[in-house]
C-alpha cells in the first residue's frame, strides 16, 4: 500500500471524489427549487429524502471502487471502521437552506489517509462552483487554482458565521461581537458556503462554533492548500474538534484571541 503522503494516491482519490461530488450534486438538484419535506433527526436537525439518497449514492460508488475503504457519513454512520482510508461524507450541508430553495448548500466529501486529512471536495450544485484540494496538490475552484485573500488586517476583512443569535448565546459570543465591531463587515453567509468563500479569497474569516466531522470534513485540506488555515476554536488543525474556523491564515491567531478573550 502507498504511504499517506503518496501524491499519486492522493491524486487518484481526489479525481474520483470530484466525480462523486458532481454526481451526488446533480442528484440533489432533482429535489431542489422549492420547499422540500423533511423529517427530524434525534438532535432535532432536519433530513430530507435527498440527503439520504445522495449519501446512499456516494456510498455505493465508493464501495464499488474501494471496497477496503471506510466511510463515515452524516446519515448512515460508519462502515468498515479502522480502515486505512476513510471517506467522510455530508450529502447536503445546510439542509435548511436546501429545503427552502436557497442555493447556498453543498455536497461535502473528505478523505482521511491513516488518520490525516488528505482530500477535500465541496460542490455547490445550484451555483455551479466546486472547490477541491489534495494534500500537496493545491486548491482549485472549477478546476482553476484558487487561494485565500491577502488581507492582513481585521478592519479590512469580511467575517462570516451561520447564525448570529446562536453564536451570541455561546461563551464566544462576546468575542464574536468584538470581531463584528472590528471588521469591515460581517454576514451570515454560513454553513459550508462561508468556508468556501474564505478558501476562494472572497471573505477572510468563517467562524463555526459547532461542527461535526462531516460538516468540517473537506475544509482542513481546502483551507490549507488554498494558503489559509482551518482549526478548532482552540487552535487545533483537525476536523474532529467540534468547531471550525477558516481564515486566510494572516488573521487566524488574532481571531482566535478575540474569540477566547471575551468569554463570559
C-alpha atoms as a PDB file:
ATOM      1  CA  UNK A   1       0.000   0.000   0.000  1.00  0.00           C
ATOM      2  CA  UNK A   2       1.080   3.555  -0.679  1.00  0.00           C
ATOM      3  CA  UNK A   3       2.151   5.771   2.228  1.00  0.00           C
ATOM      4  CA  UNK A   4      -0.323   8.504   3.250  1.00  0.00           C
ATOM      5  CA  UNK A   5       1.775  11.209   1.608  1.00  0.00           C
ATOM      6  CA  UNK A   6       1.981   9.483  -1.790  1.00  0.00           C
ATOM      7  CA  UNK A   7       0.862  12.152  -4.291  1.00  0.00           C
ATOM      8  CA  UNK A   8      -0.262   9.554  -6.841  1.00  0.00           C
ATOM      9  CA  UNK A   9      -2.680   8.037  -4.329  1.00  0.00           C
ATOM     10  CA  UNK A  10      -3.952  11.448  -3.275  1.00  0.00           C
ATOM     11  CA  UNK A  11      -4.461  12.491  -6.903  1.00  0.00           C
ATOM     12  CA  UNK A  12      -6.339   9.316  -7.771  1.00  0.00           C
ATOM     13  CA  UNK A  13      -8.678   9.661  -4.817  1.00  0.00           C
ATOM     14  CA  UNK A  14      -9.139  13.393  -5.407  1.00  0.00           C
ATOM     15  CA  UNK A  15     -10.159  12.888  -9.017  1.00  0.00           C
ATOM     16  CA  UNK A  16     -12.622  10.180  -8.017  1.00  0.00           C
ATOM     17  CA  UNK A  17     -14.039  12.361  -5.219  1.00  0.00           C
ATOM     18  CA  UNK A  18     -14.598  15.251  -7.625  1.00  0.00           C
ATOM     19  CA  UNK A  19     -16.602  12.978  -9.894  1.00  0.00           C
ATOM     20  CA  UNK A  20     -18.629  11.697  -6.945  1.00  0.00           C
ATOM     21  CA  UNK A  21     -19.392  15.218  -5.720  1.00  0.00           C
ATOM     22  CA  UNK A  22     -20.667  16.164  -9.160  1.00  0.00           C
ATOM     23  CA  UNK A  23     -22.779  13.013  -9.373  1.00  0.00           C
ATOM     24  CA  UNK A  24     -24.362  13.494  -5.950  1.00  0.00           C
ATOM     25  CA  UNK A  25     -24.798  17.205  -6.610  1.00  0.00           C
ATOM     26  CA  UNK A  26     -26.766  16.503  -9.773  1.00  0.00           C
ATOM     27  CA  UNK A  27     -28.981  14.155  -7.787  1.00  0.00           C
ATOM     28  CA  UNK A  28     -29.751  16.813  -5.166  1.00  0.00           C
ATOM     29  CA  UNK A  29     -30.844  19.212  -7.901  1.00  0.00           C
ATOM     30  CA  UNK A  30     -33.699  16.840  -8.761  1.00  0.00           C
ATOM     31  CA  UNK A  31     -35.279  17.873  -5.450  1.00  0.00           C
ATOM     32  CA  UNK A  32     -34.094  21.475  -5.309  1.00  0.00           C
ATOM     33  CA  UNK A  33     -36.055  24.618  -6.067  1.00  0.00           C
ATOM     34  CA  UNK A  34     -38.971  24.739  -3.653  1.00  0.00           C
ATOM     35  CA  UNK A  35     -39.944  23.765  -0.141  1.00  0.00           C
ATOM     36  CA  UNK A  36     -38.829  20.166   0.499  1.00  0.00           C
ATOM     37  CA  UNK A  37     -40.486  17.935   3.086  1.00  0.00           C
ATOM     38  CA  UNK A  38     -38.237  16.693   5.862  1.00  0.00           C
ATOM     39  CA  UNK A  39     -38.026  14.548   8.966  1.00  0.00           C
ATOM     40  CA  UNK A  40     -36.362  15.463  12.251  1.00  0.00           C
ATOM     41  CA  UNK A  41     -33.311  13.515  13.389  1.00  0.00           C
ATOM     42  CA  UNK A  42     -32.569  12.702  17.002  1.00  0.00           C
ATOM     43  CA  UNK A  43     -30.799  16.019  17.531  1.00  0.00           C
ATOM     44  CA  UNK A  44     -33.711  17.955  16.038  1.00  0.00           C
ATOM     45  CA  UNK A  45     -31.914  18.805  12.799  1.00  0.00           C
ATOM     46  CA  UNK A  46     -33.789  18.191   9.534  1.00  0.00           C
ATOM     47  CA  UNK A  47     -33.107  15.468   6.998  1.00  0.00           C
ATOM     48  CA  UNK A  48     -34.710  15.041   3.576  1.00  0.00           C
ATOM     49  CA  UNK A  49     -35.029  12.187   1.115  1.00  0.00           C
ATOM     50  CA  UNK A  50     -32.399  13.982  -0.963  1.00  0.00           C
ATOM     51  CA  UNK A  51     -29.879  13.770   1.933  1.00  0.00           C
ATOM     52  CA  UNK A  52     -30.433  10.044   2.287  1.00  0.00           C
ATOM     53  CA  UNK A  53     -30.416   9.225  -1.409  1.00  0.00           C
ATOM     54  CA  UNK A  54     -27.301  11.314  -2.074  1.00  0.00           C
ATOM     55  CA  UNK A  55     -25.370   9.581   0.698  1.00  0.00           C
ATOM     56  CA  UNK A  56     -26.531   6.165  -0.488  1.00  0.00           C
ATOM     57  CA  UNK A  57     -25.318   7.061  -3.978  1.00  0.00           C
ATOM     58  CA  UNK A  58     -21.920   8.142  -2.659  1.00  0.00           C
ATOM     59  CA  UNK A  59     -21.536   5.028  -0.523  1.00  0.00           C
ATOM     60  CA  UNK A  60     -22.468   2.746  -3.410  1.00  0.00           C
ATOM     61  CA  UNK A  61     -19.795   4.130  -5.713  1.00  0.00           C
ATOM     62  CA  UNK A  62     -17.124   4.248  -3.010  1.00  0.00           C
ATOM     63  CA  UNK A  63     -17.730   0.631  -2.020  1.00  0.00           C
ATOM     64  CA  UNK A  64     -17.596  -0.480  -5.655  1.00  0.00           C
ATOM     65  CA  UNK A  65     -14.320   1.350  -6.351  1.00  0.00           C
ATOM     66  CA  UNK A  66     -12.642   0.940  -2.962  1.00  0.00           C
ATOM     67  CA  UNK A  67     -14.262  -1.911  -1.009  1.00  0.00           C
ATOM     68  CA  UNK A  68     -11.468  -1.814   1.571  1.00  0.00           C
ATOM     69  CA  UNK A  69     -12.080   1.852   2.461  1.00  0.00           C
ATOM     70  CA  UNK A  70     -14.141   3.024   5.411  1.00  0.00           C
ATOM     71  CA  UNK A  71     -16.974   5.554   5.275  1.00  0.00           C
ATOM     72  CA  UNK A  72     -18.278   7.950   7.918  1.00  0.00           C
ATOM     73  CA  UNK A  73     -21.453   9.729   6.836  1.00  0.00           C
ATOM     74  CA  UNK A  74     -23.928  12.055   8.473  1.00  0.00           C
ATOM     75  CA  UNK A  75     -26.974   9.973   7.616  1.00  0.00           C
ATOM     76  CA  UNK A  76     -25.797   6.359   7.898  1.00  0.00           C
ATOM     77  CA  UNK A  77     -22.912   6.379  10.363  1.00  0.00           C
ATOM     78  CA  UNK A  78     -19.645   4.488   9.969  1.00  0.00           C
ATOM     79  CA  UNK A  79     -18.777   1.382   7.992  1.00  0.00           C
ATOM     80  CA  UNK A  80     -15.530  -0.609   7.839  1.00  0.00           C
ATOM     81  CA  UNK A  81     -14.272   1.095  10.986  1.00  0.00           C
ATOM     82  CA  UNK A  82     -10.493   1.159  11.334  1.00  0.00           C
ATOM     83  CA  UNK A  83      -9.773   1.168   7.610  1.00  0.00           C
ATOM     84  CA  UNK A  84      -6.548   2.825   6.474  1.00  0.00           C
ATOM     85  CA  UNK A  85      -8.522   5.191   4.218  1.00  0.00           C
ATOM     86  CA  UNK A  86     -11.773   6.737   5.418  1.00  0.00           C
ATOM     87  CA  UNK A  87     -14.274   8.844   3.482  1.00  0.00           C
ATOM     88  CA  UNK A  88     -16.211  11.475   5.444  1.00  0.00           C
ATOM     89  CA  UNK A  89     -19.497  12.464   3.808  1.00  0.00           C
ATOM     90  CA  UNK A  90     -22.094  15.167   4.218  1.00  0.00           C
ATOM     91  CA  UNK A  91     -24.502  14.651   1.307  1.00  0.00           C
ATOM     92  CA  UNK A  92     -26.195  18.013   1.852  1.00  0.00           C
ATOM     93  CA  UNK A  93     -24.623  20.543   4.192  1.00  0.00           C
ATOM     94  CA  UNK A  94     -27.005  23.413   5.008  1.00  0.00           C
ATOM     95  CA  UNK A  95     -30.112  21.249   4.670  1.00  0.00           C
ATOM     96  CA  UNK A  96     -32.288  24.087   5.982  1.00  0.00           C
ATOM     97  CA  UNK A  97     -31.183  26.258   3.061  1.00  0.00           C
ATOM     98  CA  UNK A  98     -31.728  23.391   0.625  1.00  0.00           C
ATOM     99  CA  UNK A  99     -35.232  22.764   1.952  1.00  0.00           C
ATOM    100  CA  UNK A 100     -36.229  26.358   1.236  1.00  0.00           C
ATOM    101  CA  UNK A 101     -34.756  26.574  -2.240  1.00  0.00           C
ATOM    102  CA  UNK A 102     -31.788  28.683  -1.105  1.00  0.00           C
ATOM    103  CA  UNK A 103     -28.748  27.802  -3.263  1.00  0.00           C
ATOM    104  CA  UNK A 104     -26.104  28.065  -0.513  1.00  0.00           C
ATOM    105  CA  UNK A 105     -25.819  24.358   0.241  1.00  0.00           C
ATOM    106  CA  UNK A 106     -23.080  21.908  -0.608  1.00  0.00           C
ATOM    107  CA  UNK A 107     -22.149  18.280  -1.111  1.00  0.00           C
ATOM    108  CA  UNK A 108     -19.100  17.696   1.096  1.00  0.00           C
ATOM    109  CA  UNK A 109     -16.569  14.891   0.660  1.00  0.00           C
ATOM    110  CA  UNK A 110     -13.379  14.425   2.641  1.00  0.00           C
ATOM    111  CA  UNK A 111     -10.860  11.610   2.715  1.00  0.00           C
ATOM    112  CA  UNK A 112      -8.510  10.738   5.568  1.00  0.00           C
ATOM    113  CA  UNK A 113      -5.485   8.539   4.956  1.00  0.00           C
ATOM    114  CA  UNK A 114      -4.094   6.928   8.104  1.00  0.00           C
ATOM    115  CA  UNK A 115      -5.971   9.491  10.173  1.00  0.00           C
ATOM    116  CA  UNK A 116      -4.703  12.538   8.296  1.00  0.00           C
ATOM    117  CA  UNK A 117      -6.899  14.792   6.164  1.00  0.00           C
ATOM    118  CA  UNK A 118      -5.749  14.305   2.585  1.00  0.00           C
ATOM    119  CA  UNK A 119      -8.595  15.231   0.215  1.00  0.00           C
ATOM    120  CA  UNK A 120     -11.400  17.756   0.382  1.00  0.00           C
ATOM    121  CA  UNK A 121     -14.164  18.466  -2.130  1.00  0.00           C
ATOM    122  CA  UNK A 122     -17.101  20.843  -1.705  1.00  0.00           C
ATOM    123  CA  UNK A 123     -19.639  21.079  -4.520  1.00  0.00           C
ATOM    124  CA  UNK A 124     -22.312  23.805  -4.602  1.00  0.00           C
ATOM    125  CA  UNK A 125     -24.652  22.475  -7.300  1.00  0.00           C
ATOM    126  CA  UNK A 126     -27.028  25.425  -7.853  1.00  0.00           C
ATOM    127  CA  UNK A 127     -24.058  27.821  -8.007  1.00  0.00           C
ATOM    128  CA  UNK A 128     -22.037  25.550 -10.297  1.00  0.00           C
ATOM    129  CA  UNK A 129     -18.994  26.021  -8.100  1.00  0.00           C
ATOM    130  CA  UNK A 130     -16.798  23.161  -6.954  1.00  0.00           C
ATOM    131  CA  UNK A 131     -13.787  23.616  -4.703  1.00  0.00           C
ATOM    132  CA  UNK A 132     -11.315  20.741  -4.469  1.00  0.00           C
ATOM    133  CA  UNK A 133      -7.959  20.140  -2.828  1.00  0.00           C
ATOM    134  CA  UNK A 134      -5.499  17.326  -2.257  1.00  0.00           C
ATOM    135  CA  UNK A 135      -2.649  17.427   0.216  1.00  0.00           C
ATOM    136  CA  UNK A 136       0.354  18.852  -1.607  1.00  0.00           C
ATOM    137  CA  UNK A 137      -1.660  19.393  -4.797  1.00  0.00           C
ATOM    138  CA  UNK A 138      -3.107  22.855  -4.205  1.00  0.00           C
ATOM    139  CA  UNK A 139      -6.711  24.037  -4.243  1.00  0.00           C
ATOM    140  CA  UNK A 140      -8.941  24.695  -7.248  1.00  0.00           C
ATOM    141  CA  UNK A 141     -12.267  26.360  -7.994  1.00  0.00           C
ATOM    142  CA  UNK A 142     -13.904  24.708 -11.017  1.00  0.00           C
ATOM    143  CA  UNK A 143     -10.529  23.318 -11.999  1.00  0.00           C
ATOM    144  CA  UNK A 144      -8.592  26.589 -11.762  1.00  0.00           C
ATOM    145  CA  UNK A 145      -6.142  27.335  -8.942  1.00  0.00           C
ATOM    146  CA  UNK A 146      -7.593  29.449  -6.148  1.00  0.00           C
ATOM    147  CA  UNK A 147      -6.198  30.920  -2.978  1.00  0.00           C
ATOM    148  CA  UNK A 148      -7.152  32.904   0.090  1.00  0.00           C
ATOM    149  CA  UNK A 149      -7.132  36.693   0.145  1.00  0.00           C
ATOM    150  CA  UNK A 150      -4.032  38.728   1.062  1.00  0.00           C
ATOM    151  CA  UNK A 151      -5.903  40.970   3.547  1.00  0.00           C
ATOM    152  CA  UNK A 152      -3.801  41.311   6.688  1.00  0.00           C
ATOM    153  CA  UNK A 153      -5.925  43.489   8.993  1.00  0.00           C
ATOM    154  CA  UNK A 154      -9.294  42.848  10.584  1.00  0.00           C
ATOM    155  CA  UNK A 155     -10.577  46.308   9.695  1.00  0.00           C
ATOM    156  CA  UNK A 156     -10.430  45.363   6.005  1.00  0.00           C
ATOM    157  CA  UNK A 157     -11.781  41.839   6.440  1.00  0.00           C
ATOM    158  CA  UNK A 158     -15.112  40.140   5.805  1.00  0.00           C
ATOM    159  CA  UNK A 159     -16.081  37.921   8.730  1.00  0.00           C
ATOM    160  CA  UNK A 160     -18.790  35.274   8.461  1.00  0.00           C
ATOM    161  CA  UNK A 161     -20.822  32.930  10.625  1.00  0.00           C
ATOM    162  CA  UNK A 162     -24.011  30.931  10.169  1.00  0.00           C
ATOM    163  CA  UNK A 163     -26.324  32.230  12.894  1.00  0.00           C
ATOM    164  CA  UNK A 164     -25.516  35.365  14.887  1.00  0.00           C
ATOM    165  CA  UNK A 165     -28.057  34.741  17.651  1.00  0.00           C
ATOM    166  CA  UNK A 166     -26.732  31.242  18.197  1.00  0.00           C
ATOM    167  CA  UNK A 167     -23.122  32.334  18.487  1.00  0.00           C
ATOM    168  CA  UNK A 168     -24.049  35.241  20.767  1.00  0.00           C
ATOM    169  CA  UNK A 169     -25.640  32.765  23.184  1.00  0.00           C
ATOM    170  CA  UNK A 170     -22.387  30.815  23.468  1.00  0.00           C
ATOM    171  CA  UNK A 171     -19.219  31.516  25.513  1.00  0.00           C
ATOM    172  CA  UNK A 172     -17.505  33.039  22.470  1.00  0.00           C
ATOM    173  CA  UNK A 173     -20.426  35.411  21.878  1.00  0.00           C
ATOM    174  CA  UNK A 174     -18.706  38.476  23.278  1.00  0.00           C
ATOM    175  CA  UNK A 175     -15.643  37.737  21.178  1.00  0.00           C
ATOM    176  CA  UNK A 176     -17.787  37.407  18.077  1.00  0.00           C
ATOM    177  CA  UNK A 177     -19.357  40.795  18.780  1.00  0.00           C
ATOM    178  CA  UNK A 178     -15.876  42.277  19.047  1.00  0.00           C
ATOM    179  CA  UNK A 179     -14.934  40.758  15.677  1.00  0.00           C
ATOM    180  CA  UNK A 180     -18.062  42.296  14.148  1.00  0.00           C
ATOM    181  CA  UNK A 181     -17.089  45.697  15.501  1.00  0.00           C
ATOM    182  CA  UNK A 182     -13.550  45.467  14.184  1.00  0.00           C
ATOM    183  CA  UNK A 183     -14.080  44.013  10.704  1.00  0.00           C
ATOM    184  CA  UNK A 184     -15.088  45.804   7.505  1.00  0.00           C
ATOM    185  CA  UNK A 185     -18.408  43.956   7.566  1.00  0.00           C
ATOM    186  CA  UNK A 186     -19.902  40.668   8.677  1.00  0.00           C
ATOM    187  CA  UNK A 187     -22.525  38.439   7.096  1.00  0.00           C
ATOM    188  CA  UNK A 188     -24.358  35.174   7.760  1.00  0.00           C
ATOM    189  CA  UNK A 189     -23.137  33.530   4.563  1.00  0.00           C
ATOM    190  CA  UNK A 190     -22.804  30.458   6.648  1.00  0.00           C
ATOM    191  CA  UNK A 191     -22.518  26.705   6.788  1.00  0.00           C
ATOM    192  CA  UNK A 192     -20.258  25.256   4.103  1.00  0.00           C
ATOM    193  CA  UNK A 193     -20.713  28.307   1.866  1.00  0.00           C
ATOM    194  CA  UNK A 194     -18.799  30.543   4.265  1.00  0.00           C
ATOM    195  CA  UNK A 195     -15.784  28.240   4.342  1.00  0.00           C
ATOM    196  CA  UNK A 196     -15.730  28.144   0.556  1.00  0.00           C
ATOM    197  CA  UNK A 197     -15.769  31.947   0.357  1.00  0.00           C
ATOM    198  CA  UNK A 198     -12.670  32.075   2.569  1.00  0.00           C
ATOM    199  CA  UNK A 199     -10.803  29.471   0.516  1.00  0.00           C
ATOM    200  CA  UNK A 200     -11.526  31.330  -2.718  1.00  0.00           C
ATOM    201  CA  UNK A 201     -10.482  34.755  -1.403  1.00  0.00           C
ATOM    202  CA  UNK A 202     -13.944  36.319  -1.179  1.00  0.00           C
ATOM    203  CA  UNK A 203     -14.007  36.509   2.627  1.00  0.00           C
ATOM    204  CA  UNK A 204     -11.291  36.371   5.264  1.00  0.00           C
ATOM    205  CA  UNK A 205     -12.826  34.532   8.226  1.00  0.00           C
ATOM    206  CA  UNK A 206     -15.600  31.999   8.812  1.00  0.00           C
ATOM    207  CA  UNK A 207     -16.487  31.140  12.421  1.00  0.00           C
ATOM    208  CA  UNK A 208     -18.408  27.903  13.010  1.00  0.00           C
ATOM    209  CA  UNK A 209     -18.873  27.276  16.758  1.00  0.00           C
ATOM    210  CA  UNK A 210     -20.422  23.815  16.311  1.00  0.00           C
ATOM    211  CA  UNK A 211     -19.216  21.376  13.642  1.00  0.00           C
ATOM    212  CA  UNK A 212     -19.482  17.623  13.293  1.00  0.00           C
ATOM    213  CA  UNK A 213     -16.669  15.847  11.415  1.00  0.00           C
ATOM    214  CA  UNK A 214     -18.804  15.638   8.252  1.00  0.00           C
ATOM    215  CA  UNK A 215     -19.509  19.404   8.430  1.00  0.00           C
ATOM    216  CA  UNK A 216     -15.824  20.202   8.756  1.00  0.00           C
ATOM    217  CA  UNK A 217     -14.631  17.313   6.578  1.00  0.00           C
ATOM    218  CA  UNK A 218     -13.146  18.897   3.449  1.00  0.00           C
ATOM    219  CA  UNK A 219     -12.219  22.277   4.839  1.00  0.00           C
ATOM    220  CA  UNK A 220      -8.964  21.464   6.613  1.00  0.00           C
ATOM    221  CA  UNK A 221      -7.435  20.299   3.335  1.00  0.00           C
ATOM    222  CA  UNK A 222      -9.154  23.010   1.282  1.00  0.00           C
ATOM    223  CA  UNK A 223      -8.097  25.879   3.554  1.00  0.00           C
ATOM    224  CA  UNK A 224      -4.532  24.635   3.926  1.00  0.00           C
ATOM    225  CA  UNK A 225      -3.992  24.052   0.213  1.00  0.00           C
ATOM    226  CA  UNK A 226      -5.512  27.471  -0.573  1.00  0.00           C
ATOM    227  CA  UNK A 227      -2.892  29.083   1.658  1.00  0.00           C
ATOM    228  CA  UNK A 228      -5.089  29.604   4.709  1.00  0.00           C
ATOM    229  CA  UNK A 229      -5.834  27.806   7.943  1.00  0.00           C
ATOM    230  CA  UNK A 230      -8.620  25.712   9.406  1.00  0.00           C
ATOM    231  CA  UNK A 231      -8.628  24.923  13.105  1.00  0.00           C
ATOM    232  CA  UNK A 232     -10.940  24.437  16.025  1.00  0.00           C
ATOM    233  CA  UNK A 233     -11.588  27.393  18.279  1.00  0.00           C
ATOM    234  CA  UNK A 234      -8.791  26.012  20.471  1.00  0.00           C
ATOM    235  CA  UNK A 235      -6.379  26.213  17.540  1.00  0.00           C
ATOM    236  CA  UNK A 236      -6.155  22.504  16.673  1.00  0.00           C
ATOM    237  CA  UNK A 237      -5.889  21.605  12.989  1.00  0.00           C
ATOM    238  CA  UNK A 238      -8.499  18.845  12.992  1.00  0.00           C
ATOM    239  CA  UNK A 239     -11.997  18.151  11.684  1.00  0.00           C
ATOM    240  CA  UNK A 240     -12.840  16.240  14.866  1.00  0.00           C
ATOM    241  CA  UNK A 241     -12.733  19.056  17.434  1.00  0.00           C
ATOM    242  CA  UNK A 242     -16.388  20.094  17.440  1.00  0.00           C
ATOM    243  CA  UNK A 243     -15.848  23.576  15.999  1.00  0.00           C
ATOM    244  CA  UNK A 244     -14.174  25.132  12.989  1.00  0.00           C
ATOM    245  CA  UNK A 245     -12.645  28.414  11.912  1.00  0.00           C
ATOM    246  CA  UNK A 246     -11.431  29.025   8.368  1.00  0.00           C
ATOM    247  CA  UNK A 247      -9.269  32.030   7.670  1.00  0.00           C
ATOM    248  CA  UNK A 248      -6.786  33.380   5.175  1.00  0.00           C
ATOM    249  CA  UNK A 249      -4.103  32.479   7.721  1.00  0.00           C
ATOM    250  CA  UNK A 250      -2.847  36.012   8.274  1.00  0.00           C
ATOM    251  CA  UNK A 251      -5.690  36.807  10.659  1.00  0.00           C
ATOM    252  CA  UNK A 252      -6.115  33.418  12.271  1.00  0.00           C
ATOM    253  CA  UNK A 253      -4.297  33.867  15.565  1.00  0.00           C
ATOM    254  CA  UNK A 254      -5.871  37.282  16.097  1.00  0.00           C
ATOM    255  CA  UNK A 255      -9.339  35.849  15.520  1.00  0.00           C
ATOM    256  CA  UNK A 256      -8.704  33.021  17.990  1.00  0.00           C
ATOM    257  CA  UNK A 257      -7.532  35.532  20.595  1.00  0.00           C
ATOM    258  CA  UNK A 258     -10.627  37.680  20.148  1.00  0.00           C
ATOM    259  CA  UNK A 259     -12.980  34.721  20.453  1.00  0.00           C
ATOM    260  CA  UNK A 260     -11.366  33.488  23.655  1.00  0.00           C
ATOM    261  CA  UNK A 261     -10.538  36.792  25.333  1.00  0.00           C
ATOM    262  CA  UNK A 262     -14.155  37.906  25.748  1.00  0.00           C
ATOM    263  CA  UNK A 263     -15.730  34.749  27.082  1.00  0.00           C
ATOM    264  CA  UNK A 264     -18.091  35.241  29.979  1.00  0.00           C
END
